[in-house]
Structures are given as structure tokens and as C-alpha cells.
Amino acid sequence: MLNSINLQTDMSATQDVTRWNEQDVQAWLQVVGMQELSDVFLVNGVVGKDLLDLTPEDLLSMKVEPSALRHSFLRKTTMLMKE
């Protein structure tokens, strides 16, 4: 089981999101409670730079459903960019 407090601290230490690899993105998804996106992000090879560039249309084309999940994800990435 992941220790989310330690993981969140580790993610904060590597805040240059554009340099995150797939594993870093997966860890971030766990920290922010969006692990249901893990498989689709792995299949699509989403890395940190991609994470910040994803649009609602991208998420829809990746079959991220329902729309509330897409909106929640986009709010989380907006918060990530502000940190």
C-alpha cells in the first residue's frame, strides 16, 4: 500500500512536471486520488509534459468517462501548475 504522505512529499520535491516519466505520472495519479486513470494513461504513454497539455478533447478521445472525471482531472492539473 502506498504511503500517500511520503509520496506527496516526494512528488513536491520533483515539481518540474515537464520532466516526469510515466511512473511519476502514475504516482501523482495515486496521490490525487485519480488512480482510475492509470491504465488509460499508461496505454497512451502520458508523461509529465503531456499531463500539462491534455485538453478535454484529448481526454474524450482517450475515452475518459464520465465528463465529471474529465473535469476533475483538469482541475487537478490546474492546481498542479499553480504549485
C-alpha atoms as a PDB file:
ATOM      1  CA  MET A   1       0.000   0.000   0.000  1.00  0.00           C
ATOM      2  CA  LEU A   2       1.291   3.449  -0.887  1.00  0.00           C
ATOM      3  CA  ASN A   3       2.140   5.851   1.892  1.00  0.00           C
ATOM      4  CA  SER A   4       0.415   8.878   0.383  1.00  0.00           C
ATOM      5  CA  ILE A   5       2.012  11.372   2.780  1.00  0.00           C
ATOM      6  CA  ASN A   6       5.540  10.321   1.817  1.00  0.00           C
ATOM      7  CA  LEU A   7       4.546  10.062  -1.832  1.00  0.00           C
ATOM      8  CA  GLN A   8       3.054  13.542  -1.814  1.00  0.00           C
ATOM      9  CA  THR A   9       6.251  14.904  -0.274  1.00  0.00           C
ATOM     10  CA  ASP A  10       8.303  13.103  -2.909  1.00  0.00           C
ATOM     11  CA  MET A  11       6.111  14.485  -5.715  1.00  0.00           C
ATOM     12  CA  SER A  12       6.530  18.017  -4.344  1.00  0.00           C
ATOM     13  CA  ALA A  13      10.284  17.552  -4.392  1.00  0.00           C
ATOM     14  CA  THR A  14      10.168  16.757  -8.116  1.00  0.00           C
ATOM     15  CA  GLN A  15       7.849  19.566  -9.119  1.00  0.00           C
ATOM     16  CA  ASP A  16       9.328  20.028 -12.588  1.00  0.00           C
ATOM     17  CA  VAL A  17       6.354  18.197 -14.023  1.00  0.00           C
ATOM     18  CA  THR A  18       7.662  18.507 -17.572  1.00  0.00           C
ATOM     19  CA  ARG A  19      10.439  16.082 -16.608  1.00  0.00           C
ATOM     20  CA  TRP A  20       8.146  13.421 -15.103  1.00  0.00           C
ATOM     21  CA  ASN A  21       8.189   9.993 -16.698  1.00  0.00           C
ATOM     22  CA  GLU A  22       5.243   7.587 -16.864  1.00  0.00           C
ATOM     23  CA  GLN A  23       5.956   6.273 -13.358  1.00  0.00           C
ATOM     24  CA  ASP A  24       5.944   9.790 -11.916  1.00  0.00           C
ATOM     25  CA  VAL A  25       2.588  10.464 -13.561  1.00  0.00           C
ATOM     26  CA  GLN A  26       1.249   7.205 -12.138  1.00  0.00           C
ATOM     27  CA  ALA A  27       2.444   8.175  -8.656  1.00  0.00           C
ATOM     28  CA  TRP A  28       0.795  11.601  -8.980  1.00  0.00           C
ATOM     29  CA  LEU A  29      -2.480   9.992 -10.041  1.00  0.00           C
ATOM     30  CA  GLN A  30      -2.359   7.929  -6.838  1.00  0.00           C
ATOM     31  CA  VAL A  31      -1.621  10.981  -4.681  1.00  0.00           C
ATOM     32  CA  VAL A  32      -4.525  12.990  -6.098  1.00  0.00           C
ATOM     33  CA  GLY A  33      -6.952  10.068  -5.980  1.00  0.00           C
ATOM     34  CA  MET A  34      -7.318   9.617  -9.727  1.00  0.00           C
ATOM     35  CA  GLN A  35      -5.875   6.119  -9.993  1.00  0.00           C
ATOM     36  CA  GLU A  36      -8.810   5.100 -12.210  1.00  0.00           C
ATOM     37  CA  LEU A  37      -6.948   6.916 -14.998  1.00  0.00           C
ATOM     38  CA  SER A  38      -3.771   4.859 -14.527  1.00  0.00           C
ATOM     39  CA  ASP A  39      -4.419   2.261 -17.213  1.00  0.00           C
ATOM     40  CA  VAL A  40      -5.540   4.702 -19.903  1.00  0.00           C
ATOM     41  CA  PHE A  41      -2.560   6.968 -19.206  1.00  0.00           C
ATOM     42  CA  LEU A  42      -0.141   4.028 -19.388  1.00  0.00           C
ATOM     43  CA  VAL A  43      -1.643   2.812 -22.671  1.00  0.00           C
ATOM     44  CA  ASN A  44      -1.298   6.331 -24.090  1.00  0.00           C
ATOM     45  CA  GLY A  45       2.228   6.850 -22.718  1.00  0.00           C
ATOM     46  CA  VAL A  46       1.335  10.020 -20.806  1.00  0.00           C
ATOM     47  CA  VAL A  47       4.405  11.704 -19.284  1.00  0.00           C
ATOM     48  CA  GLY A  48       4.609  14.964 -17.360  1.00  0.00           C
ATOM     49  CA  LYS A  49       4.723  17.283 -20.346  1.00  0.00           C
ATOM     50  CA  ASP A  50       1.655  15.553 -21.779  1.00  0.00           C
ATOM     51  CA  LEU A  51      -0.110  15.772 -18.429  1.00  0.00           C
ATOM     52  CA  LEU A  52       0.009  19.561 -18.514  1.00  0.00           C
ATOM     53  CA  ASP A  53      -1.109  19.758 -22.154  1.00  0.00           C
ATOM     54  CA  LEU A  54      -4.122  17.443 -22.031  1.00  0.00           C
ATOM     55  CA  THR A  55      -7.353  19.087 -23.151  1.00  0.00           C
ATOM     56  CA  PRO A  56     -10.953  17.992 -22.620  1.00  0.00           C
ATOM     57  CA  GLU A  57     -10.929  16.774 -26.221  1.00  0.00           C
ATOM     58  CA  ASP A  58      -7.776  14.694 -25.602  1.00  0.00           C
ATOM     59  CA  LEU A  59      -9.381  13.073 -22.572  1.00  0.00           C
ATOM     60  CA  LEU A  60     -12.537  12.374 -24.537  1.00  0.00           C
ATOM     61  CA  SER A  61     -10.535  10.770 -27.365  1.00  0.00           C
ATOM     62  CA  MET A  62      -8.791   8.624 -24.741  1.00  0.00           C
ATOM     63  CA  LYS A  63     -12.292   7.540 -23.641  1.00  0.00           C
ATOM     64  CA  VAL A  64     -12.043   9.104 -20.185  1.00  0.00           C
ATOM     65  CA  GLU A  65     -15.638   8.933 -18.945  1.00  0.00           C
ATOM     66  CA  PRO A  66     -17.773  10.310 -17.389  1.00  0.00           C
ATOM     67  CA  SER A  67     -17.394  14.009 -18.070  1.00  0.00           C
ATOM     68  CA  ALA A  68     -17.184  14.705 -14.326  1.00  0.00           C
ATOM     69  CA  LEU A  69     -13.985  12.633 -14.231  1.00  0.00           C
ATOM     70  CA  ARG A  70     -12.512  14.697 -17.065  1.00  0.00           C
ATOM     71  CA  HIS A  71     -13.393  17.931 -15.291  1.00  0.00           C
ATOM     72  CA  SER A  72     -11.979  16.692 -12.003  1.00  0.00           C
ATOM     73  CA  PHE A  73      -8.731  15.684 -13.705  1.00  0.00           C
ATOM     74  CA  LEU A  74      -8.405  19.081 -15.391  1.00  0.00           C
ATOM     75  CA  ARG A  75      -8.940  20.852 -12.055  1.00  0.00           C
ATOM     76  CA  LYS A  76      -6.166  18.743 -10.531  1.00  0.00           C
ATOM     77  CA  THR A  77      -3.745  19.596 -13.341  1.00  0.00           C
ATOM     78  CA  THR A  78      -4.597  23.296 -12.974  1.00  0.00           C
ATOM     79  CA  MET A  79      -3.733  23.053  -9.277  1.00  0.00           C
ATOM     80  CA  LEU A  80      -0.526  21.203 -10.161  1.00  0.00           C
ATOM     81  CA  MET A  81       0.551  24.020 -12.483  1.00  0.00           C
ATOM     82  CA  LYS A  82      -0.002  26.561  -9.688  1.00  0.00           C
ATOM     83  CA  GLU A  83       2.220  24.718  -7.179  1.00  0.00           C
END
